[in-house]
PDB file of all heavy atoms in Angstrom:
ATOM      1  N   LEU A   1      -0.307   7.276  12.804  1.00  0.00           N
ATOM      2  CA  LEU A   1      -0.961   8.223  11.988  1.00  0.00           C
ATOM      3  C   LEU A   1      -0.805   7.827  10.502  1.00  0.00           C
ATOM      4  O   LEU A   1      -1.863   7.786   9.683  1.00  0.00           O
ATOM      5  CB  LEU A   1      -0.366   9.678  12.119  1.00  0.00           C
ATOM      6  CG  LEU A   1      -0.693  10.361  13.358  1.00  0.00           C
ATOM      7  CD1 LEU A   1       0.161  11.806  13.288  1.00  0.00           C
ATOM      8  CD2 LEU A   1      -2.114  10.671  13.620  1.00  0.00           C
ATOM      9  N   GLU A   2       0.276   7.336  10.133  1.00  0.00           N
ATOM     10  CA  GLU A   2       0.473   6.871   8.681  1.00  0.00           C
ATOM     11  C   GLU A   2      -0.390   5.684   8.371  1.00  0.00           C
ATOM     12  O   GLU A   2      -1.094   5.639   7.344  1.00  0.00           O
ATOM     13  CB  GLU A   2       2.001   6.474   8.530  1.00  0.00           C
ATOM     14  CG  GLU A   2       2.913   7.628   8.443  1.00  0.00           C
ATOM     15  CD  GLU A   2       4.359   7.161   8.282  1.00  0.00           C
ATOM     16  OE1 GLU A   2       4.588   5.937   8.047  1.00  0.00           O
ATOM     17  OE2 GLU A   2       5.274   7.992   8.291  1.00  0.00           O
ATOM     18  N   ASN A   3      -0.421   4.767   9.313  1.00  0.00           N
ATOM     19  CA  ASN A   3      -1.246   3.486   9.119  1.00  0.00           C
ATOM     20  C   ASN A   3      -2.773   3.844   9.049  1.00  0.00           C
ATOM     21  O   ASN A   3      -3.491   3.234   8.217  1.00  0.00           O
ATOM     22  CB  ASN A   3      -1.014   2.501  10.264  1.00  0.00           C
ATOM     23  CG  ASN A   3       0.343   1.953  10.230  1.00  0.00           C
ATOM     24  OD1 ASN A   3       1.022   1.885   9.174  1.00  0.00           O
ATOM     25  ND2 ASN A   3       0.858   1.463  11.434  1.00  0.00           N
ATOM     26  N   THR A   4      -3.172   4.839   9.892  1.00  0.00           N
ATOM     27  CA  THR A   4      -4.563   5.126   9.904  1.00  0.00           C
ATOM     28  C   THR A   4      -4.904   5.867   8.578  1.00  0.00           C
ATOM     29  O   THR A   4      -5.988   5.617   7.978  1.00  0.00           O
ATOM     30  CB  THR A   4      -4.873   6.032  11.074  1.00  0.00           C
ATOM     31  OG1 THR A   4      -4.632   5.448  12.286  1.00  0.00           O
ATOM     32  CG2 THR A   4      -6.404   6.478  11.045  1.00  0.00           C
ATOM     33  N   ALA A   5      -4.071   6.768   8.093  1.00  0.00           N
ATOM     34  CA  ALA A   5      -4.316   7.441   6.914  1.00  0.00           C
ATOM     35  C   ALA A   5      -4.382   6.427   5.674  1.00  0.00           C
ATOM     36  O   ALA A   5      -5.217   6.579   4.858  1.00  0.00           O
ATOM     37  CB  ALA A   5      -3.198   8.489   6.684  1.00  0.00           C
ATOM     38  N   LEU A   6      -3.443   5.526   5.655  1.00  0.00           N
ATOM     39  CA  LEU A   6      -3.458   4.490   4.625  1.00  0.00           C
ATOM     40  C   LEU A   6      -4.721   3.641   4.636  1.00  0.00           C
ATOM     41  O   LEU A   6      -5.268   3.395   3.578  1.00  0.00           O
ATOM     42  CB  LEU A   6      -2.309   3.635   4.724  1.00  0.00           C
ATOM     43  CG  LEU A   6      -2.031   2.499   3.694  1.00  0.00           C
ATOM     44  CD1 LEU A   6      -1.907   3.094   2.370  1.00  0.00           C
ATOM     45  CD2 LEU A   6      -0.759   1.646   4.038  1.00  0.00           C
ATOM     46  N   GLU A   7      -5.174   3.232   5.761  1.00  0.00           N
ATOM     47  CA  GLU A   7      -6.457   2.597   5.940  1.00  0.00           C
ATOM     48  C   GLU A   7      -7.656   3.243   5.367  1.00  0.00           C
ATOM     49  O   GLU A   7      -8.384   2.725   4.684  1.00  0.00           O
ATOM     50  CB  GLU A   7      -6.766   2.133   7.303  1.00  0.00           C
ATOM     51  CG  GLU A   7      -5.729   1.134   7.930  1.00  0.00           C
ATOM     52  CD  GLU A   7      -5.983   0.894   9.493  1.00  0.00           C
ATOM     53  OE1 GLU A   7      -6.850   1.538   9.995  1.00  0.00           O
ATOM     54  OE2 GLU A   7      -5.281   0.064  10.061  1.00  0.00           O
ATOM     55  N   GLN A   8      -7.693   4.589   5.645  1.00  0.00           N
ATOM     56  CA  GLN A   8      -8.741   5.427   5.137  1.00  0.00           C
ATOM     57  C   GLN A   8      -8.715   5.538   3.676  1.00  0.00           C
ATOM     58  O   GLN A   8      -9.776   5.495   2.952  1.00  0.00           O
ATOM     59  CB  GLN A   8      -8.656   6.826   5.720  1.00  0.00           C
ATOM     60  CG  GLN A   8      -8.941   6.823   7.307  1.00  0.00           C
ATOM     61  CD  GLN A   8     -10.467   6.511   7.540  1.00  0.00           C
ATOM     62  OE1 GLN A   8     -11.436   7.072   6.831  1.00  0.00           O
ATOM     63  NE2 GLN A   8     -10.652   5.565   8.425  1.00  0.00           N
ATOM     64  N   ILE A   9      -7.482   5.722   3.036  1.00  0.00           N
ATOM     65  CA  ILE A   9      -7.412   5.847   1.564  1.00  0.00           C
ATOM     66  C   ILE A   9      -7.737   4.517   0.925  1.00  0.00           C
ATOM     67  O   ILE A   9      -8.492   4.504  -0.098  1.00  0.00           O
ATOM     68  CB  ILE A   9      -5.908   6.186   1.270  1.00  0.00           C
ATOM     69  CG1 ILE A   9      -5.660   7.626   1.775  1.00  0.00           C
ATOM     70  CG2 ILE A   9      -5.677   6.170  -0.225  1.00  0.00           C
ATOM     71  CD1 ILE A   9      -4.206   8.060   1.599  1.00  0.00           C
ATOM     72  N   LEU A  10      -7.382   3.399   1.514  1.00  0.00           N
ATOM     73  CA  LEU A  10      -7.591   2.042   0.907  1.00  0.00           C
ATOM     74  C   LEU A  10      -9.122   1.737   0.844  1.00  0.00           C
ATOM     75  O   LEU A  10      -9.498   0.894   0.072  1.00  0.00           O
ATOM     76  CB  LEU A  10      -6.736   0.991   1.600  1.00  0.00           C
ATOM     77  CG  LEU A  10      -5.304   1.086   1.339  1.00  0.00           C
ATOM     78  CD1 LEU A  10      -4.597  -0.037   2.129  1.00  0.00           C
ATOM     79  CD2 LEU A  10      -5.014   0.965  -0.127  1.00  0.00           C
ATOM     80  N   VAL A  11      -9.877   2.247   1.780  1.00  0.00           N
ATOM     81  CA  VAL A  11     -11.352   2.025   1.806  1.00  0.00           C
ATOM     82  C   VAL A  11     -12.132   3.109   0.984  1.00  0.00           C
ATOM     83  O   VAL A  11     -13.300   3.168   1.019  1.00  0.00           O
ATOM     84  CB  VAL A  11     -11.891   1.956   3.242  1.00  0.00           C
ATOM     85  CG1 VAL A  11     -11.257   0.787   3.963  1.00  0.00           C
ATOM     86  CG2 VAL A  11     -11.709   3.152   3.991  1.00  0.00           C
ATOM     87  N   GLY A  12     -11.363   3.957   0.268  1.00  0.00           N
ATOM     88  CA  GLY A  12     -11.978   4.978  -0.629  1.00  0.00           C
ATOM     89  C   GLY A  12     -12.151   6.286  -0.055  1.00  0.00           C
ATOM     90  O   GLY A  12     -12.784   7.099  -0.753  1.00  0.00           O
ATOM     91  N   ASN A  13     -11.608   6.585   1.179  1.00  0.00           N
ATOM     92  CA  ASN A  13     -11.777   7.964   1.680  1.00  0.00           C
ATOM     93  C   ASN A  13     -10.593   8.790   1.321  1.00  0.00           C
ATOM     94  O   ASN A  13      -9.494   8.264   1.101  1.00  0.00           O
ATOM     95  CB  ASN A  13     -11.896   7.897   3.189  1.00  0.00           C
ATOM     96  CG  ASN A  13     -13.213   7.160   3.639  1.00  0.00           C
ATOM     97  OD1 ASN A  13     -14.237   7.341   2.961  1.00  0.00           O
ATOM     98  ND2 ASN A  13     -13.102   6.506   4.762  1.00  0.00           N
ATOM     99  N   GLU A  14     -10.625  10.142   1.233  1.00  0.00           N
ATOM    100  CA  GLU A  14      -9.571  11.021   0.936  1.00  0.00           C
ATOM    101  C   GLU A  14      -8.906  11.537   2.128  1.00  0.00           C
ATOM    102  O   GLU A  14      -9.649  11.872   3.154  1.00  0.00           O
ATOM    103  CB  GLU A  14     -10.126  12.189   0.103  1.00  0.00           C
ATOM    104  CG  GLU A  14     -10.571  11.865  -1.360  1.00  0.00           C
ATOM    105  CD  GLU A  14     -10.883  13.142  -2.176  1.00  0.00           C
ATOM    106  OE1 GLU A  14     -10.625  14.186  -1.711  1.00  0.00           O
ATOM    107  OE2 GLU A  14     -11.343  12.883  -3.335  1.00  0.00           O
ATOM    108  N   VAL A  15      -7.674  11.551   2.134  1.00  0.00           N
ATOM    109  CA  VAL A  15      -6.771  12.244   3.129  1.00  0.00           C
ATOM    110  C   VAL A  15      -5.954  13.310   2.436  1.00  0.00           C
ATOM    111  O   VAL A  15      -5.085  12.972   1.579  1.00  0.00           O
ATOM    112  CB  VAL A  15      -5.872  11.212   3.836  1.00  0.00           C
ATOM    113  CG1 VAL A  15      -4.965  11.946   4.861  1.00  0.00           C
ATOM    114  CG2 VAL A  15      -6.688  10.149   4.575  1.00  0.00           C
ATOM    115  N   GLU A  16      -6.231  14.533   2.734  1.00  0.00           N
ATOM    116  CA  GLU A  16      -5.782  15.635   1.973  1.00  0.00           C
ATOM    117  C   GLU A  16      -4.189  15.608   1.896  1.00  0.00           C
ATOM    118  O   GLU A  16      -3.549  15.536   3.002  1.00  0.00           O
ATOM    119  CB  GLU A  16      -6.145  16.911   2.618  1.00  0.00           C
ATOM    120  CG  GLU A  16      -5.706  18.166   1.868  1.00  0.00           C
ATOM    121  CD  GLU A  16      -6.284  19.451   2.384  1.00  0.00           C
ATOM    122  OE1 GLU A  16      -7.179  19.445   3.309  1.00  0.00           O
ATOM    123  OE2 GLU A  16      -5.773  20.580   1.953  1.00  0.00           O
ATOM    124  N   GLY A  17      -3.670  15.634   0.695  1.00  0.00           N
ATOM    125  CA  GLY A  17      -2.127  15.702   0.534  1.00  0.00           C
ATOM    126  C   GLY A  17      -1.512  14.308   0.447  1.00  0.00           C
ATOM    127  O   GLY A  17      -0.360  14.168   0.299  1.00  0.00           O
ATOM    128  N   TRP A  18      -2.351  13.247   0.542  1.00  0.00           N
ATOM    129  CA  TRP A  18      -1.784  11.952   0.596  1.00  0.00           C
ATOM    130  C   TRP A  18      -2.456  10.914  -0.281  1.00  0.00           C
ATOM    131  O   TRP A  18      -3.597  11.155  -0.629  1.00  0.00           O
ATOM    132  CB  TRP A  18      -1.836  11.338   2.019  1.00  0.00           C
ATOM    133  CG  TRP A  18      -0.914  12.274   3.003  1.00  0.00           C
ATOM    134  CD1 TRP A  18      -1.389  13.225   3.645  1.00  0.00           C
ATOM    135  CD2 TRP A  18       0.444  11.989   3.229  1.00  0.00           C
ATOM    136  NE1 TRP A  18      -0.260  13.912   4.394  1.00  0.00           N
ATOM    137  CE2 TRP A  18       0.816  13.025   4.220  1.00  0.00           C
ATOM    138  CE3 TRP A  18       1.400  11.069   2.864  1.00  0.00           C
ATOM    139  CZ2 TRP A  18       2.098  13.209   4.683  1.00  0.00           C
ATOM    140  CZ3 TRP A  18       2.723  11.149   3.371  1.00  0.00           C
ATOM    141  CH2 TRP A  18       3.115  12.241   4.281  1.00  0.00           C
ATOM    142  N   LYS A  19      -1.844   9.901  -0.802  1.00  0.00           N
ATOM    143  CA  LYS A  19      -2.383   8.864  -1.588  1.00  0.00           C
ATOM    144  C   LYS A  19      -1.722   7.605  -1.274  1.00  0.00           C
ATOM    145  O   LYS A  19      -0.597   7.488  -0.639  1.00  0.00           O
ATOM    146  CB  LYS A  19      -2.197   9.265  -3.110  1.00  0.00           C
ATOM    147  CG  LYS A  19      -0.738   9.265  -3.614  1.00  0.00           C
ATOM    148  CD  LYS A  19      -0.706   9.648  -5.078  1.00  0.00           C
ATOM    149  CE  LYS A  19       0.810   9.678  -5.512  1.00  0.00           C
ATOM    150  NZ  LYS A  19       0.899  10.036  -6.997  1.00  0.00           N
ATOM    151  N   ALA A  20      -2.187   6.412  -1.801  1.00  0.00           N
ATOM    152  CA  ALA A  20      -1.662   5.127  -1.632  1.00  0.00           C
ATOM    153  C   ALA A  20      -0.967   4.764  -2.956  1.00  0.00           C
ATOM    154  O   ALA A  20      -1.392   4.953  -4.007  1.00  0.00           O
ATOM    155  CB  ALA A  20      -2.668   4.112  -1.304  1.00  0.00           C
ATOM    156  N   VAL A  21       0.350   4.282  -2.826  1.00  0.00           N
ATOM    157  CA  VAL A  21       1.117   3.813  -3.983  1.00  0.00           C
ATOM    158  C   VAL A  21       1.593   2.414  -3.695  1.00  0.00           C
ATOM    159  O   VAL A  21       1.633   1.980  -2.591  1.00  0.00           O
ATOM    160  CB  VAL A  21       2.260   4.795  -4.324  1.00  0.00           C
ATOM    161  CG1 VAL A  21       1.763   6.210  -4.600  1.00  0.00           C
ATOM    162  CG2 VAL A  21       3.169   4.848  -3.043  1.00  0.00           C
ATOM    163  N   GLU A  22       2.093   1.746  -4.724  1.00  0.00           N
ATOM    164  CA  GLU A  22       2.692   0.455  -4.662  1.00  0.00           C
ATOM    165  C   GLU A  22       4.073   0.539  -4.068  1.00  0.00           C
ATOM    166  O   GLU A  22       4.936   1.235  -4.533  1.00  0.00           O
ATOM    167  CB  GLU A  22       2.737  -0.255  -5.965  1.00  0.00           C
ATOM    168  CG  GLU A  22       3.216  -1.713  -5.873  1.00  0.00           C
ATOM    169  CD  GLU A  22       3.100  -2.393  -7.175  1.00  0.00           C
ATOM    170  OE1 GLU A  22       2.028  -2.226  -7.829  1.00  0.00           O
ATOM    171  OE2 GLU A  22       3.989  -3.181  -7.520  1.00  0.00           O
ATOM    172  N   GLY A  23       4.299  -0.176  -2.952  1.00  0.00           N
ATOM    173  CA  GLY A  23       5.615  -0.119  -2.325  1.00  0.00           C
ATOM    174  C   GLY A  23       6.691  -1.000  -3.014  1.00  0.00           C
ATOM    175  O   GLY A  23       6.320  -1.776  -3.950  1.00  0.00           O
ATOM    176  N   ARG A  24       7.810  -1.022  -2.466  1.00  0.00           N
ATOM    177  CA  ARG A  24       8.840  -1.862  -2.965  1.00  0.00           C
ATOM    178  C   ARG A  24       8.663  -3.330  -2.694  1.00  0.00           C
ATOM    179  O   ARG A  24       8.063  -3.689  -1.604  1.00  0.00           O
ATOM    180  CB  ARG A  24      10.226  -1.336  -2.334  1.00  0.00           C
ATOM    181  CG  ARG A  24      11.452  -2.272  -2.829  1.00  0.00           C
ATOM    182  CD  ARG A  24      12.699  -1.816  -2.068  1.00  0.00           C
ATOM    183  NE  ARG A  24      13.765  -2.602  -2.436  1.00  0.00           N
ATOM    184  CZ  ARG A  24      15.072  -2.456  -1.976  1.00  0.00           C
ATOM    185  NH1 ARG A  24      15.284  -1.546  -1.073  1.00  0.00           N
ATOM    186  NH2 ARG A  24      16.052  -3.241  -2.365  1.00  0.00           N
ATOM    187  N   SER A  25       8.989  -4.265  -3.583  1.00  0.00           N
ATOM    188  CA  SER A  25       8.834  -5.600  -3.333  1.00  0.00           C
ATOM    189  C   SER A  25      10.027  -6.337  -3.899  1.00  0.00           C
ATOM    190  O   SER A  25      10.846  -5.768  -4.734  1.00  0.00           O
ATOM    191  CB  SER A  25       7.582  -6.173  -4.088  1.00  0.00           C
ATOM    192  OG  SER A  25       7.674  -6.083  -5.451  1.00  0.00           O
ATOM    193  N   ASN A  26      10.342  -7.505  -3.470  1.00  0.00           N
ATOM    194  CA  ASN A  26      11.490  -8.349  -3.879  1.00  0.00           C
ATOM    195  C   ASN A  26      11.025  -9.481  -4.819  1.00  0.00           C
ATOM    196  O   ASN A  26       9.921 -10.001  -4.682  1.00  0.00           O
ATOM    197  CB  ASN A  26      12.196  -8.979  -2.753  1.00  0.00           C
ATOM    198  CG  ASN A  26      12.742  -7.870  -1.725  1.00  0.00           C
ATOM    199  OD1 ASN A  26      13.326  -6.855  -2.262  1.00  0.00           O
ATOM    200  ND2 ASN A  26      12.600  -8.016  -0.433  1.00  0.00           N
ATOM    201  N   ARG A  27      11.861  -9.749  -5.733  1.00  0.00           N
ATOM    202  CA  ARG A  27      11.554 -10.892  -6.686  1.00  0.00           C
ATOM    203  C   ARG A  27      11.649 -12.192  -5.970  1.00  0.00           C
ATOM    204  O   ARG A  27      12.295 -12.410  -4.989  1.00  0.00           O
ATOM    205  CB  ARG A  27      12.668 -10.925  -7.845  1.00  0.00           C
ATOM    206  CG  ARG A  27      12.609  -9.763  -8.729  1.00  0.00           C
ATOM    207  CD  ARG A  27      13.749  -9.795  -9.694  1.00  0.00           C
ATOM    208  NE  ARG A  27      15.077  -9.913  -9.093  1.00  0.00           N
ATOM    209  CZ  ARG A  27      16.166 -10.167  -9.658  1.00  0.00           C
ATOM    210  NH1 ARG A  27      16.182 -10.487 -10.966  1.00  0.00           N
ATOM    211  NH2 ARG A  27      17.306 -10.136  -9.070  1.00  0.00           N
ATOM    212  N   THR A  28      10.684 -13.101  -6.370  1.00  0.00           N
ATOM    213  CA  THR A  28      10.620 -14.400  -5.770  1.00  0.00           C
ATOM    214  C   THR A  28      10.550 -15.446  -6.867  1.00  0.00           C
ATOM    215  O   THR A  28      10.098 -15.142  -7.986  1.00  0.00           O
ATOM    216  CB  THR A  28       9.402 -14.576  -4.814  1.00  0.00           C
ATOM    217  OG1 THR A  28       8.252 -14.413  -5.620  1.00  0.00           O
ATOM    218  CG2 THR A  28       9.423 -13.613  -3.706  1.00  0.00           C
ATOM    219  N   ILE A  29      10.865 -16.688  -6.577  1.00  0.00           N
ATOM    220  CA  ILE A  29      10.661 -17.822  -7.689  1.00  0.00           C
ATOM    221  C   ILE A  29       9.439 -18.469  -7.266  1.00  0.00           C
ATOM    222  O   ILE A  29       9.328 -19.059  -6.179  1.00  0.00           O
ATOM    223  CB  ILE A  29      11.933 -18.819  -7.521  1.00  0.00           C
ATOM    224  CG1 ILE A  29      13.164 -18.074  -7.898  1.00  0.00           C
ATOM    225  CG2 ILE A  29      11.735 -19.964  -8.520  1.00  0.00           C
ATOM    226  CD1 ILE A  29      14.422 -18.959  -7.684  1.00  0.00           C
ATOM    227  N   LYS A  30       8.493 -18.490  -8.087  1.00  0.00           N
ATOM    228  CA  LYS A  30       7.100 -19.027  -7.766  1.00  0.00           C
ATOM    229  C   LYS A  30       7.091 -20.534  -7.713  1.00  0.00           C
ATOM    230  O   LYS A  30       6.210 -21.120  -7.118  1.00  0.00           O
ATOM    231  CB  LYS A  30       6.046 -18.463  -8.761  1.00  0.00           C
ATOM    232  CG  LYS A  30       6.284 -18.801 -10.212  1.00  0.00           C
ATOM    233  CD  LYS A  30       5.232 -18.110 -11.038  1.00  0.00           C
ATOM    234  CE  LYS A  30       5.486 -18.331 -12.550  1.00  0.00           C
ATOM    235  NZ  LYS A  30       4.443 -17.687 -13.399  1.00  0.00           N
ATOM    236  N   ASP A  31       7.883 -21.231  -8.407  1.00  0.00           N
ATOM    237  CA  ASP A  31       8.011 -22.777  -8.328  1.00  0.00           C
ATOM    238  C   ASP A  31       9.489 -23.070  -8.261  1.00  0.00           C
ATOM    239  O   ASP A  31      10.162 -23.320  -9.296  1.00  0.00           O
ATOM    240  CB  ASP A  31       7.405 -23.341  -9.631  1.00  0.00           C
ATOM    241  CG  ASP A  31       7.310 -24.865  -9.476  1.00  0.00           C
ATOM    242  OD1 ASP A  31       8.096 -25.454  -8.651  1.00  0.00           O
ATOM    243  OD2 ASP A  31       6.413 -25.402 -10.181  1.00  0.00           O
ATOM    244  N   VAL A  32       9.982 -23.189  -7.012  1.00  0.00           N
ATOM    245  CA  VAL A  32      11.438 -23.339  -6.693  1.00  0.00           C
ATOM    246  C   VAL A  32      11.866 -24.737  -7.364  1.00  0.00           C
ATOM    247  O   VAL A  32      12.942 -24.869  -7.960  1.00  0.00           O
ATOM    248  CB  VAL A  32      11.720 -23.299  -5.256  1.00  0.00           C
ATOM    249  CG1 VAL A  32      13.112 -23.638  -4.971  1.00  0.00           C
ATOM    250  CG2 VAL A  32      11.409 -21.916  -4.709  1.00  0.00           C
ATOM    251  N   ASP A  33      11.083 -25.763  -7.081  1.00  0.00           N
ATOM    252  CA  ASP A  33      11.488 -27.145  -7.503  1.00  0.00           C
ATOM    253  C   ASP A  33      11.647 -27.146  -9.105  1.00  0.00           C
ATOM    254  O   ASP A  33      12.706 -27.734  -9.590  1.00  0.00           O
ATOM    255  CB  ASP A  33      10.501 -28.233  -7.076  1.00  0.00           C
ATOM    256  CG  ASP A  33      10.515 -28.345  -5.602  1.00  0.00           C
ATOM    257  OD1 ASP A  33      11.550 -28.041  -5.037  1.00  0.00           O
ATOM    258  OD2 ASP A  33       9.497 -28.816  -5.065  1.00  0.00           O
TER     259      ASP A  33
END
């Protein structure tokens, strides 16, 4: 249900009471060498 609601929101449809937000991410080194 969560995945389907998120898919609908990301294509521009409204799901009452819910929205898409940026989730947690981890820092990375973009050029390790």
